Amino acid sequence: MYYHPIHVFICRMAAQVVPVLTKLFDDYQKTTSSKLKIIDAYMTYILFTGIFQFIYCLLVGTFPFNSFLSGFISTVTSFVLASCLRMQVNQENRSEFTAVSTERAFADFIFANLILHLVVVNFLG
């Protein structure tokens, strides 16, 4: 049976990628704190929400453009704010954020999200 070279290449790459992803997942489970895992789950949810909005825009259209734009900007900005929170809460970055406590970082995150969503609701009209 003849196998196309591209199929052979893909099978070899998959055989190399699977152990790397398995080790990455195992190390993530062992070394990441529960606070960071919760933030990562939130960021994953936001990422998939943004992808879903973009696919919906491509398939259906952007008729109420303000609604699409405000929703998409909200997801992107929420992702950025969550990544900033993750950097500040991560214990490996304590040397860079010595003046910011974990509680202060979370309060800043909540305040920035409040301002963001007030702007989004105002943009909707």
PDB file of N, CA and C in Angstrom:
ATOM      1  N   MET A   1       0.837  -1.168   0.000  1.00  0.00           N
ATOM      2  CA  MET A   1       0.000   0.000   0.000  1.00  0.00           C
ATOM      3  C   MET A   1       0.892   1.245   0.000  1.00  0.00           C
ATOM      4  N   TYR A   2       0.532   2.221  -0.825  1.00  0.00           N
ATOM      5  CA  TYR A   2       1.304   3.449  -0.963  1.00  0.00           C
ATOM      6  C   TYR A   2       0.774   4.505   0.002  1.00  0.00           C
ATOM      7  N   TYR A   3       1.685   5.129   0.742  1.00  0.00           N
ATOM      8  CA  TYR A   3       1.325   6.238   1.626  1.00  0.00           C
ATOM      9  C   TYR A   3       1.931   7.514   1.068  1.00  0.00           C
ATOM     10  N   HIS A   4       1.117   8.514   0.979  1.00  0.00           N
ATOM     11  CA  HIS A   4       1.578   9.801   0.481  1.00  0.00           C
ATOM     12  C   HIS A   4       2.594  10.378   1.464  1.00  0.00           C
ATOM     13  N   PRO A   5       3.640  11.047   0.958  1.00  0.00           N
ATOM     14  CA  PRO A   5       4.669  11.591   1.859  1.00  0.00           C
ATOM     15  C   PRO A   5       4.116  12.573   2.904  1.00  0.00           C
ATOM     16  N   ILE A   6       3.078  13.278   2.561  1.00  0.00           N
ATOM     17  CA  ILE A   6       2.499  14.221   3.526  1.00  0.00           C
ATOM     18  C   ILE A   6       1.858  13.464   4.677  1.00  0.00           C
ATOM     19  N   HIS A   7       1.190  12.347   4.377  1.00  0.00           N
ATOM     20  CA  HIS A   7       0.592  11.541   5.440  1.00  0.00           C
ATOM     21  C   HIS A   7       1.664  10.973   6.362  1.00  0.00           C
ATOM     22  N   VAL A   8       2.767  10.544   5.781  1.00  0.00           N
ATOM     23  CA  VAL A   8       3.872  10.010   6.577  1.00  0.00           C
ATOM     24  C   VAL A   8       4.440  11.108   7.472  1.00  0.00           C
ATOM     25  N   PHE A   9       4.600  12.297   6.916  1.00  0.00           N
ATOM     26  CA  PHE A   9       5.126  13.431   7.675  1.00  0.00           C
ATOM     27  C   PHE A   9       4.203  13.786   8.837  1.00  0.00           C
ATOM     28  N   ILE A  10       2.906  13.818   8.584  1.00  0.00           N
ATOM     29  CA  ILE A  10       1.941  14.151   9.633  1.00  0.00           C
ATOM     30  C   ILE A  10       1.958  13.098  10.735  1.00  0.00           C
ATOM     31  N   CYS A  11       2.043  11.835  10.367  1.00  0.00           N
ATOM     32  CA  CYS A  11       2.087  10.763  11.375  1.00  0.00           C
ATOM     33  C   CYS A  11       3.349  10.858  12.224  1.00  0.00           C
ATOM     34  N   ARG A  12       4.474  11.160  11.596  1.00  0.00           N
ATOM     35  CA  ARG A  12       5.720  11.306  12.358  1.00  0.00           C
ATOM     36  C   ARG A  12       5.657  12.512  13.288  1.00  0.00           C
ATOM     37  N   MET A  13       5.102  13.608  12.803  1.00  0.00           N
ATOM     38  CA  MET A  13       4.980  14.802  13.647  1.00  0.00           C
ATOM     39  C   MET A  13       4.043  14.544  14.817  1.00  0.00           C
ATOM     40  N   ALA A  14       2.942  13.854  14.577  1.00  0.00           N
ATOM     41  CA  ALA A  14       2.002  13.540  15.655  1.00  0.00           C
ATOM     42  C   ALA A  14       2.658  12.646  16.694  1.00  0.00           C
ATOM     43  N   ALA A  15       3.483  11.714  16.238  1.00  0.00           N
ATOM     44  CA  ALA A  15       4.180  10.830  17.172  1.00  0.00           C
ATOM     45  C   ALA A  15       5.172  11.605  18.032  1.00  0.00           C
ATOM     46  N   GLN A  16       5.709  12.711  17.527  1.00  0.00           N
ATOM     47  CA  GLN A  16       6.639  13.530  18.297  1.00  0.00           C
ATOM     48  C   GLN A  16       5.913  14.540  19.178  1.00  0.00           C
ATOM     49  N   VAL A  17       4.759  15.005  18.752  1.00  0.00           N
ATOM     50  CA  VAL A  17       4.045  16.049  19.477  1.00  0.00           C
ATOM     51  C   VAL A  17       3.314  15.497  20.692  1.00  0.00           C
ATOM     52  N   VAL A  18       2.770  14.313  20.591  1.00  0.00           N
ATOM     53  CA  VAL A  18       1.964  13.747  21.684  1.00  0.00           C
ATOM     54  C   VAL A  18       2.761  13.624  22.983  1.00  0.00           C
ATOM     55  N   PRO A  19       3.988  13.090  22.989  1.00  0.00           N
ATOM     56  CA  PRO A  19       4.725  13.034  24.262  1.00  0.00           C
ATOM     57  C   PRO A  19       5.044  14.420  24.835  1.00  0.00           C
ATOM     58  N   VAL A  20       5.313  15.377  23.967  1.00  0.00           N
ATOM     59  CA  VAL A  20       5.600  16.735  24.432  1.00  0.00           C
ATOM     60  C   VAL A  20       4.367  17.337  25.099  1.00  0.00           C
ATOM     61  N   LEU A  21       3.209  17.187  24.474  1.00  0.00           N
ATOM     62  CA  LEU A  21       1.976  17.718  25.061  1.00  0.00           C
ATOM     63  C   LEU A  21       1.614  16.998  26.355  1.00  0.00           C
ATOM     64  N   THR A  22       1.874  15.701  26.416  1.00  0.00           N
ATOM     65  CA  THR A  22       1.611  14.946  27.643  1.00  0.00           C
ATOM     66  C   THR A  22       2.487  15.447  28.783  1.00  0.00           C
ATOM     67  N   LYS A  23       3.768  15.668  28.505  1.00  0.00           N
ATOM     68  CA  LYS A  23       4.675  16.186  29.538  1.00  0.00           C
ATOM     69  C   LYS A  23       4.273  17.596  29.943  1.00  0.00           C
ATOM     70  N   LEU A  24       3.889  18.418  28.982  1.00  0.00           N
ATOM     71  CA  LEU A  24       3.446  19.779  29.290  1.00  0.00           C
ATOM     72  C   LEU A  24       2.233  19.755  30.213  1.00  0.00           C
ATOM     73  N   PHE A  25       1.269  18.917  29.914  1.00  0.00           N
ATOM     74  CA  PHE A  25       0.062  18.817  30.738  1.00  0.00           C
ATOM     75  C   PHE A  25       0.387  18.292  32.137  1.00  0.00           C
ATOM     76  N   ASP A  26       1.250  17.284  32.221  1.00  0.00           N
ATOM     77  CA  ASP A  26       1.626  16.737  33.529  1.00  0.00           C
ATOM     78  C   ASP A  26       2.359  17.773  34.379  1.00  0.00           C
ATOM     79  N   ASP A  27       3.298  18.499  33.771  1.00  0.00           N
ATOM     80  CA  ASP A  27       4.015  19.542  34.508  1.00  0.00           C
ATOM     81  C   ASP A  27       3.083  20.670  34.932  1.00  0.00           C
ATOM     82  N   TYR A  28       2.138  21.014  34.074  1.00  0.00           N
ATOM     83  CA  TYR A  28       1.165  22.051  34.418  1.00  0.00           C
ATOM     84  C   TYR A  28       0.340  21.618  35.625  1.00  0.00           C
ATOM     85  N   GLN A  29      -0.105  20.376  35.642  1.00  0.00           N
ATOM     86  CA  GLN A  29      -0.906  19.872  36.763  1.00  0.00           C
ATOM     87  C   GLN A  29      -0.103  19.857  38.062  1.00  0.00           C
ATOM     88  N   LYS A  30       1.180  19.535  37.983  1.00  0.00           N
ATOM     89  CA  LYS A  30       1.998  19.406  39.188  1.00  0.00           C
ATOM     90  C   LYS A  30       2.455  20.751  39.743  1.00  0.00           C
ATOM     91  N   THR A  31       2.836  21.682  38.874  1.00  0.00           N
ATOM     92  CA  THR A  31       3.525  22.885  39.343  1.00  0.00           C
ATOM     93  C   THR A  31       2.664  24.136  39.396  1.00  0.00           C
ATOM     94  N   THR A  32       1.504  24.142  38.793  1.00  0.00           N
ATOM     95  CA  THR A  32       0.684  25.351  38.748  1.00  0.00           C
ATOM     96  C   THR A  32      -0.264  25.383  39.936  1.00  0.00           C
ATOM     97  N   SER A  33      -0.329  26.550  40.582  1.00  0.00           N
ATOM     98  CA  SER A  33      -1.207  26.684  41.748  1.00  0.00           C
ATOM     99  C   SER A  33      -2.671  26.718  41.316  1.00  0.00           C
ATOM    100  N   SER A  34      -3.547  26.482  42.277  1.00  0.00           N
ATOM    101  CA  SER A  34      -4.980  26.448  41.953  1.00  0.00           C
ATOM    102  C   SER A  34      -5.494  27.825  41.549  1.00  0.00           C
ATOM    103  N   LYS A  35      -4.920  28.900  42.101  1.00  0.00           N
ATOM    104  CA  LYS A  35      -5.320  30.254  41.701  1.00  0.00           C
ATOM    105  C   LYS A  35      -5.060  30.473  40.214  1.00  0.00           C
ATOM    106  N   LEU A  36      -3.880  30.061  39.782  1.00  0.00           N
ATOM    107  CA  LEU A  36      -3.534  30.245  38.370  1.00  0.00           C
ATOM    108  C   LEU A  36      -4.360  29.344  37.464  1.00  0.00           C
ATOM    109  N   LYS A  37      -4.707  28.161  37.943  1.00  0.00           N
ATOM    110  CA  LYS A  37      -5.551  27.269  37.138  1.00  0.00           C
ATOM    111  C   LYS A  37      -6.939  27.865  36.941  1.00  0.00           C
ATOM    112  N   ILE A  38      -7.469  28.514  37.972  1.00  0.00           N
ATOM    113  CA  ILE A  38      -8.781  29.163  37.843  1.00  0.00           C
ATOM    114  C   ILE A  38      -8.701  30.311  36.848  1.00  0.00           C
ATOM    115  N   ILE A  39      -7.640  31.105  36.936  1.00  0.00           N
ATOM    116  CA  ILE A  39      -7.464  32.211  35.985  1.00  0.00           C
ATOM    117  C   ILE A  39      -7.293  31.663  34.573  1.00  0.00           C
ATOM    118  N   ASP A  40      -6.551  30.574  34.427  1.00  0.00           N
ATOM    119  CA  ASP A  40      -6.370  29.958  33.105  1.00  0.00           C
ATOM    120  C   ASP A  40      -7.689  29.433  32.542  1.00  0.00           C
ATOM    121  N   ALA A  41      -8.524  28.859  33.404  1.00  0.00           N
ATOM    122  CA  ALA A  41      -9.841  28.383  32.945  1.00  0.00           C
ATOM    123  C   ALA A  41     -10.689  29.557  32.475  1.00  0.00           C
ATOM    124  N   TYR A  42     -10.644  30.661  33.208  1.00  0.00           N
ATOM    125  CA  TYR A  42     -11.378  31.870  32.812  1.00  0.00           C
ATOM    126  C   TYR A  42     -10.859  32.396  31.474  1.00  0.00           C
ATOM    127  N   MET A  43      -9.541  32.410  31.307  1.00  0.00           N
ATOM    128  CA  MET A  43      -8.966  32.890  30.052  1.00  0.00           C
ATOM    129  C   MET A  43      -9.322  31.971  28.887  1.00  0.00           C
ATOM    130  N   THR A  44      -9.378  30.674  29.134  1.00  0.00           N
ATOM    131  CA  THR A  44      -9.784  29.731  28.089  1.00  0.00           C
ATOM    132  C   THR A  44     -11.225  29.974  27.681  1.00  0.00           C
ATOM    133  N   TYR A  45     -12.087  30.197  28.669  1.00  0.00           N
ATOM    134  CA  TYR A  45     -13.489  30.507  28.382  1.00  0.00           C
ATOM    135  C   TYR A  45     -13.600  31.783  27.540  1.00  0.00           C
ATOM    136  N   ILE A  46     -12.856  32.810  27.908  1.00  0.00           N
ATOM    137  CA  ILE A  46     -12.895  34.071  27.154  1.00  0.00           C
ATOM    138  C   ILE A  46     -12.374  33.854  25.734  1.00  0.00           C
ATOM    139  N   LEU A  47     -11.309  33.076  25.595  1.00  0.00           N
ATOM    140  CA  LEU A  47     -10.749  32.806  24.270  1.00  0.00           C
ATOM    141  C   LEU A  47     -11.772  32.128  23.369  1.00  0.00           C
ATOM    142  N   PHE A  48     -12.439  31.094  23.893  1.00  0.00           N
ATOM    143  CA  PHE A  48     -13.440  30.396  23.085  1.00  0.00           C
ATOM    144  C   PHE A  48     -14.653  31.276  22.800  1.00  0.00           C
ATOM    145  N   THR A  49     -14.999  32.160  23.723  1.00  0.00           N
ATOM    146  CA  THR A  49     -16.093  33.101  23.472  1.00  0.00           C
ATOM    147  C   THR A  49     -15.741  34.039  22.324  1.00  0.00           C
ATOM    148  N   GLY A  50     -14.513  34.553  22.314  1.00  0.00           N
ATOM    149  CA  GLY A  50     -14.075  35.421  21.225  1.00  0.00           C
ATOM    150  C   GLY A  50     -14.032  34.698  19.893  1.00  0.00           C
ATOM    151  N   ILE A  51     -13.550  33.458  19.900  1.00  0.00           N
ATOM    152  CA  ILE A  51     -13.522  32.663  18.666  1.00  0.00           C
ATOM    153  C   ILE A  51     -14.936  32.421  18.161  1.00  0.00           C
ATOM    154  N   PHE A  52     -15.849  32.083  19.079  1.00  0.00           N
ATOM    155  CA  PHE A  52     -17.243  31.857  18.699  1.00  0.00           C
ATOM    156  C   PHE A  52     -17.860  33.125  18.109  1.00  0.00           C
ATOM    157  N   GLN A  53     -17.599  34.281  18.710  1.00  0.00           N
ATOM    158  CA  GLN A  53     -18.129  35.536  18.178  1.00  0.00           C
ATOM    159  C   GLN A  53     -17.580  35.816  16.787  1.00  0.00           C
ATOM    160  N   PHE A  54     -16.298  35.558  16.585  1.00  0.00           N
ATOM    161  CA  PHE A  54     -15.702  35.817  15.283  1.00  0.00           C
ATOM    162  C   PHE A  54     -16.270  34.884  14.219  1.00  0.00           C
ATOM    163  N   ILE A  55     -16.433  33.607  14.548  1.00  0.00           N
ATOM    164  CA  ILE A  55     -17.024  32.656  13.596  1.00  0.00           C
ATOM    165  C   ILE A  55     -18.464  33.043  13.292  1.00  0.00           C
ATOM    166  N   TYR A  56     -19.208  33.438  14.313  1.00  0.00           N
ATOM    167  CA  TYR A  56     -20.581  33.893  14.111  1.00  0.00           C
ATOM    168  C   TYR A  56     -20.605  35.103  13.178  1.00  0.00           C
ATOM    169  N   CYS A  57     -19.656  36.012  13.351  1.00  0.00           N
ATOM    170  CA  CYS A  57     -19.570  37.191  12.480  1.00  0.00           C
ATOM    171  C   CYS A  57     -19.311  36.776  11.037  1.00  0.00           C
ATOM    172  N   LEU A  58     -18.425  35.799  10.840  1.00  0.00           N
ATOM    173  CA  LEU A  58     -18.123  35.356   9.479  1.00  0.00           C
ATOM    174  C   LEU A  58     -19.306  34.655   8.827  1.00  0.00           C
ATOM    175  N   LEU A  59     -20.032  33.846   9.604  1.00  0.00           N
ATOM    176  CA  LEU A  59     -21.126  33.057   9.040  1.00  0.00           C
ATOM    177  C   LEU A  59     -22.412  33.854   8.879  1.00  0.00           C
ATOM    178  N   VAL A  60     -22.762  34.648   9.868  1.00  0.00           N
ATOM    179  CA  VAL A  60     -24.062  35.324   9.871  1.00  0.00           C
ATOM    180  C   VAL A  60     -23.952  36.769   9.415  1.00  0.00           C
ATOM    181  N   GLY A  61     -22.908  37.456   9.833  1.00  0.00           N
ATOM    182  CA  GLY A  61     -22.751  38.857   9.481  1.00  0.00           C
ATOM    183  C   GLY A  61     -22.677  39.727  10.717  1.00  0.00           C
ATOM    184  N   THR A  62     -22.467  41.003  10.473  1.00  0.00           N
ATOM    185  CA  THR A  62     -22.303  41.948  11.581  1.00  0.00           C
ATOM    186  C   THR A  62     -23.384  43.014  11.545  1.00  0.00           C
ATOM    187  N   PHE A  63     -24.640  42.611  11.328  1.00  0.00           N
ATOM    188  CA  PHE A  63     -25.691  43.613  11.156  1.00  0.00           C
ATOM    189  C   PHE A  63     -25.743  44.616  12.300  1.00  0.00           C
ATOM    190  N   PRO A  64     -25.952  44.206  13.541  1.00  0.00           N
ATOM    191  CA  PRO A  64     -25.810  45.240  14.576  1.00  0.00           C
ATOM    192  C   PRO A  64     -24.320  45.365  14.915  1.00  0.00           C
ATOM    193  N   PHE A  65     -23.615  46.167  14.104  1.00  0.00           N
ATOM    194  CA  PHE A  65     -22.155  46.216  14.198  1.00  0.00           C
ATOM    195  C   PHE A  65     -21.683  46.657  15.571  1.00  0.00           C
ATOM    196  N   ASN A  66     -22.414  47.579  16.207  1.00  0.00           N
ATOM    197  CA  ASN A  66     -22.026  48.011  17.547  1.00  0.00           C
ATOM    198  C   ASN A  66     -22.044  46.841  18.516  1.00  0.00           C
ATOM    199  N   SER A  67     -23.018  45.970  18.387  1.00  0.00           N
ATOM    200  CA  SER A  67     -23.107  44.815  19.284  1.00  0.00           C
ATOM    201  C   SER A  67     -21.930  43.875  19.080  1.00  0.00           C
ATOM    202  N   PHE A  68     -21.633  43.575  17.816  1.00  0.00           N
ATOM    203  CA  PHE A  68     -20.492  42.696  17.554  1.00  0.00           C
ATOM    204  C   PHE A  68     -19.200  43.328  18.036  1.00  0.00           C
ATOM    205  N   LEU A  69     -19.006  44.596  17.700  1.00  0.00           N
ATOM    206  CA  LEU A  69     -17.760  45.266  18.052  1.00  0.00           C
ATOM    207  C   LEU A  69     -17.583  45.364  19.559  1.00  0.00           C
ATOM    208  N   SER A  70     -18.632  45.720  20.263  1.00  0.00           N
ATOM    209  CA  SER A  70     -18.505  45.838  21.719  1.00  0.00           C
ATOM    210  C   SER A  70     -18.286  44.474  22.361  1.00  0.00           C
ATOM    211  N   GLY A  71     -18.942  43.442  21.869  1.00  0.00           N
ATOM    212  CA  GLY A  71     -18.735  42.103  22.414  1.00  0.00           C
ATOM    213  C   GLY A  71     -17.335  41.589  22.156  1.00  0.00           C
ATOM    214  N   PHE A  72     -16.836  41.799  20.953  1.00  0.00           N
ATOM    215  CA  PHE A  72     -15.502  41.307  20.619  1.00  0.00           C
ATOM    216  C   PHE A  72     -14.429  42.088  21.367  1.00  0.00           C
ATOM    217  N   ILE A  73     -14.589  43.409  21.447  1.00  0.00           N
ATOM    218  CA  ILE A  73     -13.638  44.222  22.208  1.00  0.00           C
ATOM    219  C   ILE A  73     -13.673  43.836  23.680  1.00  0.00           C
ATOM    220  N   SER A  74     -14.856  43.513  24.178  1.00  0.00           N
ATOM    221  CA  SER A  74     -14.981  43.089  25.570  1.00  0.00           C
ATOM    222  C   SER A  74     -14.220  41.791  25.823  1.00  0.00           C
ATOM    223  N   THR A  75     -14.316  40.837  24.909  1.00  0.00           N
ATOM    224  CA  THR A  75     -13.604  39.573  25.117  1.00  0.00           C
ATOM    225  C   THR A  75     -12.092  39.763  25.030  1.00  0.00           C
ATOM    226  N   VAL A  76     -11.637  40.549  24.073  1.00  0.00           N
ATOM    227  CA  VAL A  76     -10.194  40.777  23.935  1.00  0.00           C
ATOM    228  C   VAL A  76      -9.652  41.503  25.164  1.00  0.00           C
ATOM    229  N   THR A  77     -10.354  42.541  25.596  1.00  0.00           N
ATOM    230  CA  THR A  77      -9.889  43.308  26.749  1.00  0.00           C
ATOM    231  C   THR A  77      -9.972  42.487  28.032  1.00  0.00           C
ATOM    232  N   SER A  78     -11.008  41.683  28.179  1.00  0.00           N
ATOM    233  CA  SER A  78     -11.102  40.814  29.359  1.00  0.00           C
ATOM    234  C   SER A  78      -9.952  39.819  29.384  1.00  0.00           C
ATOM    235  N   PHE A  79      -9.563  39.314  28.223  1.00  0.00           N
ATOM    236  CA  PHE A  79      -8.427  38.393  28.150  1.00  0.00           C
ATOM    237  C   PHE A  79      -7.139  39.098  28.562  1.00  0.00           C
ATOM    238  N   VAL A  80      -6.950  40.322  28.093  1.00  0.00           N
ATOM    239  CA  VAL A  80      -5.744  41.077  28.449  1.00  0.00           C
ATOM    240  C   VAL A  80      -5.722  41.370  29.946  1.00  0.00           C
ATOM    241  N   LEU A  81      -6.853  41.782  30.502  1.00  0.00           N
ATOM    242  CA  LEU A  81      -6.911  42.052  31.937  1.00  0.00           C
ATOM    243  C   LEU A  81      -6.640  40.789  32.749  1.00  0.00           C
ATOM    244  N   ALA A  82      -7.169  39.658  32.309  1.00  0.00           N
ATOM    245  CA  ALA A  82      -6.928  38.398  33.018  1.00  0.00           C
ATOM    246  C   ALA A  82      -5.461  37.986  32.921  1.00  0.00           C
ATOM    247  N   SER A  83      -4.829  38.239  31.791  1.00  0.00           N
ATOM    248  CA  SER A  83      -3.409  37.895  31.680  1.00  0.00           C
ATOM    249  C   SER A  83      -2.560  38.793  32.580  1.00  0.00           C
ATOM    250  N   CYS A  84      -2.953  40.055  32.722  1.00  0.00           N
ATOM    251  CA  CYS A  84      -2.259  40.946  33.662  1.00  0.00           C
ATOM    252  C   CYS A  84      -2.438  40.456  35.095  1.00  0.00           C
ATOM    253  N   LEU A  85      -3.650  40.036  35.437  1.00  0.00           N
ATOM    254  CA  LEU A  85      -3.892  39.480  36.768  1.00  0.00           C
ATOM    255  C   LEU A  85      -3.045  38.234  36.983  1.00  0.00           C
ATOM    256  N   ARG A  86      -2.970  37.383  35.978  1.00  0.00           N
ATOM    257  CA  ARG A  86      -2.188  36.148  36.108  1.00  0.00           C
ATOM    258  C   ARG A  86      -0.719  36.459  36.337  1.00  0.00           C
ATOM    259  N   MET A  87      -0.183  37.449  35.636  1.00  0.00           N
ATOM    260  CA  MET A  87       1.215  37.816  35.839  1.00  0.00           C
ATOM    261  C   MET A  87       1.453  38.339  37.250  1.00  0.00           C
ATOM    262  N   GLN A  88       0.517  39.117  37.780  1.00  0.00           N
ATOM    263  CA  GLN A  88       0.705  39.702  39.102  1.00  0.00           C
ATOM    264  C   GLN A  88       0.512  38.689  40.222  1.00  0.00           C
ATOM    265  N   VAL A  89      -0.331  37.683  40.026  1.00  0.00           N
ATOM    266  CA  VAL A  89      -0.617  36.694  41.063  1.00  0.00           C
ATOM    267  C   VAL A  89       0.419  35.569  41.069  1.00  0.00           C
ATOM    268  N   ASN A  90       1.072  35.330  39.952  1.00  0.00           N
ATOM    269  CA  ASN A  90       2.034  34.239  39.830  1.00  0.00           C
ATOM    270  C   ASN A  90       3.199  34.449  40.799  1.00  0.00           C
ATOM    271  N   GLN A  91       3.487  33.433  41.603  1.00  0.00           N
ATOM    272  CA  GLN A  91       4.554  33.533  42.607  1.00  0.00           C
ATOM    273  C   GLN A  91       5.942  33.658  41.968  1.00  0.00           C
ATOM    274  N   GLU A  92       6.105  33.184  40.763  1.00  0.00           N
ATOM    275  CA  GLU A  92       7.401  33.294  40.091  1.00  0.00           C
ATOM    276  C   GLU A  92       7.709  34.731  39.678  1.00  0.00           C
ATOM    277  N   ASN A  93       6.699  35.588  39.642  1.00  0.00           N
ATOM    278  CA  ASN A  93       6.887  36.987  39.256  1.00  0.00           C
ATOM    279  C   ASN A  93       6.879  37.928  40.454  1.00  0.00           C
ATOM    280  N   ARG A  94       6.980  37.420  41.667  1.00  0.00           N
ATOM    281  CA  ARG A  94       6.904  38.270  42.855  1.00  0.00           C
ATOM    282  C   ARG A  94       7.993  39.325  42.865  1.00  0.00           C
ATOM    283  N   SER A  95       9.152  39.024  42.312  1.00  0.00           N
ATOM    284  CA  SER A  95      10.246  40.001  42.317  1.00  0.00           C
ATOM    285  C   SER A  95       9.930  41.214  41.448  1.00  0.00           C
ATOM    286  N   GLU A  96       9.107  41.041  40.436  1.00  0.00           N
ATOM    287  CA  GLU A  96       8.753  42.155  39.560  1.00  0.00           C
ATOM    288  C   GLU A  96       7.574  42.962  40.087  1.00  0.00           C
ATOM    289  N   PHE A  97       6.732  42.353  40.906  1.00  0.00           N
ATOM    290  CA  PHE A  97       5.538  43.016  41.431  1.00  0.00           C
ATOM    291  C   PHE A  97       5.592  43.059  42.955  1.00  0.00           C
ATOM    292  N   THR A  98       6.670  43.592  43.499  1.00  0.00           N
ATOM    293  CA  THR A  98       6.819  43.612  44.957  1.00  0.00           C
ATOM    294  C   THR A  98       5.845  44.573  45.617  1.00  0.00           C
ATOM    295  N   ALA A  99       5.481  45.646  44.951  1.00  0.00           N
ATOM    296  CA  ALA A  99       4.596  46.649  45.551  1.00  0.00           C
ATOM    297  C   ALA A  99       3.122  46.275  45.445  1.00  0.00           C
ATOM    298  N   VAL A 100       2.801  45.217  44.702  1.00  0.00           N
ATOM    299  CA  VAL A 100       1.405  44.849  44.468  1.00  0.00           C
ATOM    300  C   VAL A 100       1.113  43.521  45.163  1.00  0.00           C
ATOM    301  N   SER A 101       0.186  43.548  46.112  1.00  0.00           N
ATOM    302  CA  SER A 101      -0.219  42.307  46.768  1.00  0.00           C
ATOM    303  C   SER A 101      -1.225  41.566  45.887  1.00  0.00           C
ATOM    304  N   THR A 102      -1.483  40.329  46.237  1.00  0.00           N
ATOM    305  CA  THR A 102      -2.448  39.526  45.483  1.00  0.00           C
ATOM    306  C   THR A 102      -3.838  40.133  45.567  1.00  0.00           C
ATOM    307  N   GLU A 103      -4.202  40.611  46.752  1.00  0.00           N
ATOM    308  CA  GLU A 103      -5.525  41.227  46.932  1.00  0.00           C
ATOM    309  C   GLU A 103      -5.640  42.510  46.123  1.00  0.00           C
ATOM    310  N   ARG A 104      -4.564  43.290  46.084  1.00  0.00           N
ATOM    311  CA  ARG A 104      -4.574  44.539  45.320  1.00  0.00           C
ATOM    312  C   ARG A 104      -4.692  44.245  43.823  1.00  0.00           C
ATOM    313  N   ALA A 105      -3.990  43.222  43.354  1.00  0.00           N
ATOM    314  CA  ALA A 105      -4.070  42.846  41.937  1.00  0.00           C
ATOM    315  C   ALA A 105      -5.488  42.427  41.578  1.00  0.00           C
ATOM    316  N   PHE A 106      -6.129  41.653  42.458  1.00  0.00           N
ATOM    317  CA  PHE A 106      -7.497  41.226  42.189  1.00  0.00           C
ATOM    318  C   PHE A 106      -8.456  42.411  42.229  1.00  0.00           C
ATOM    319  N   ALA A 107      -8.262  43.340  43.166  1.00  0.00           N
ATOM    320  CA  ALA A 107      -9.113  44.534  43.234  1.00  0.00           C
ATOM    321  C   ALA A 107      -8.943  45.388  41.981  1.00  0.00           C
ATOM    322  N   ASP A 108      -7.712  45.534  41.509  1.00  0.00           N
ATOM    323  CA  ASP A 108      -7.478  46.273  40.261  1.00  0.00           C
ATOM    324  C   ASP A 108      -8.165  45.595  39.083  1.00  0.00           C
ATOM    325  N   PHE A 109      -8.119  44.265  39.054  1.00  0.00           N
ATOM    326  CA  PHE A 109      -8.768  43.500  37.995  1.00  0.00           C
ATOM    327  C   PHE A 109     -10.282  43.728  38.012  1.00  0.00           C
ATOM    328  N   ILE A 110     -10.882  43.665  39.185  1.00  0.00           N
ATOM    329  CA  ILE A 110     -12.329  43.886  39.309  1.00  0.00           C
ATOM    330  C   ILE A 110     -12.690  45.311  38.890  1.00  0.00           C
ATOM    331  N   PHE A 111     -11.918  46.291  39.347  1.00  0.00           N
ATOM    332  CA  PHE A 111     -12.199  47.689  39.000  1.00  0.00           C
ATOM    333  C   PHE A 111     -12.068  47.914  37.492  1.00  0.00           C
ATOM    334  N   ALA A 112     -11.017  47.376  36.884  1.00  0.00           N
ATOM    335  CA  ALA A 112     -10.826  47.540  35.440  1.00  0.00           C
ATOM    336  C   ALA A 112     -11.941  46.857  34.658  1.00  0.00           C
ATOM    337  N   ASN A 113     -12.395  45.687  35.116  1.00  0.00           N
ATOM    338  CA  ASN A 113     -13.511  45.012  34.454  1.00  0.00           C
ATOM    339  C   ASN A 113     -14.800  45.801  34.594  1.00  0.00           C
ATOM    340  N   LEU A 114     -15.004  46.414  35.739  1.00  0.00           N
ATOM    341  CA  LEU A 114     -16.194  47.247  35.935  1.00  0.00           C
ATOM    342  C   LEU A 114     -16.195  48.420  34.959  1.00  0.00           C
ATOM    343  N   ILE A 115     -15.072  49.102  34.852  1.00  0.00           N
ATOM    344  CA  ILE A 115     -14.962  50.223  33.906  1.00  0.00           C
ATOM    345  C   ILE A 115     -15.145  49.728  32.474  1.00  0.00           C
ATOM    346  N   LEU A 116     -14.525  48.609  32.138  1.00  0.00           N
ATOM    347  CA  LEU A 116     -14.658  48.044  30.788  1.00  0.00           C
ATOM    348  C   LEU A 116     -16.113  47.781  30.446  1.00  0.00           C
ATOM    349  N   HIS A 117     -16.837  47.140  31.332  1.00  0.00           N
ATOM    350  CA  HIS A 117     -18.217  46.781  31.017  1.00  0.00           C
ATOM    351  C   HIS A 117     -19.146  47.994  31.034  1.00  0.00           C
ATOM    352  N   LEU A 118     -18.826  49.015  31.805  1.00  0.00           N
ATOM    353  CA  LEU A 118     -19.588  50.263  31.704  1.00  0.00           C
ATOM    354  C   LEU A 118     -19.392  50.899  30.329  1.00  0.00           C
ATOM    355  N   VAL A 119     -18.165  50.877  29.830  1.00  0.00           N
ATOM    356  CA  VAL A 119     -17.890  51.423  28.494  1.00  0.00           C
ATOM    357  C   VAL A 119     -18.589  50.588  27.424  1.00  0.00           C
ATOM    358  N   VAL A 120     -18.566  49.269  27.565  1.00  0.00           N
ATOM    359  CA  VAL A 120     -19.207  48.383  26.583  1.00  0.00           C
ATOM    360  C   VAL A 120     -20.708  48.627  26.551  1.00  0.00           C
ATOM    361  N   VAL A 121     -21.334  48.720  27.714  1.00  0.00           N
ATOM    362  CA  VAL A 121     -22.782  48.969  27.762  1.00  0.00           C
ATOM    363  C   VAL A 121     -23.096  50.341  27.186  1.00  0.00           C
ATOM    364  N   ASN A 122     -22.248  51.333  27.455  1.00  0.00           N
ATOM    365  CA  ASN A 122     -22.454  52.665  26.894  1.00  0.00           C
ATOM    366  C   ASN A 122     -22.312  52.637  25.375  1.00  0.00           C
ATOM    367  N   PHE A 123     -21.375  51.840  24.863  1.00  0.00           N
ATOM    368  CA  PHE A 123     -21.175  51.753  23.421  1.00  0.00           C
ATOM    369  C   PHE A 123     -22.350  51.080  22.728  1.00  0.00           C
ATOM    370  N   LEU A 124     -22.999  50.155  23.432  1.00  0.00           N
ATOM    371  CA  LEU A 124     -24.164  49.493  22.843  1.00  0.00           C
ATOM    372  C   LEU A 124     -25.296  50.478  22.565  1.00  0.00           C
ATOM    373  N   GLY A 125     -25.387  51.492  23.381  1.00  0.00           N
ATOM    374  CA  GLY A 125     -26.395  52.527  23.135  1.00  0.00           C
ATOM    375  C   GLY A 125     -27.564  52.495  24.023  1.00  0.00           C
TER     376      GLY A 125
END
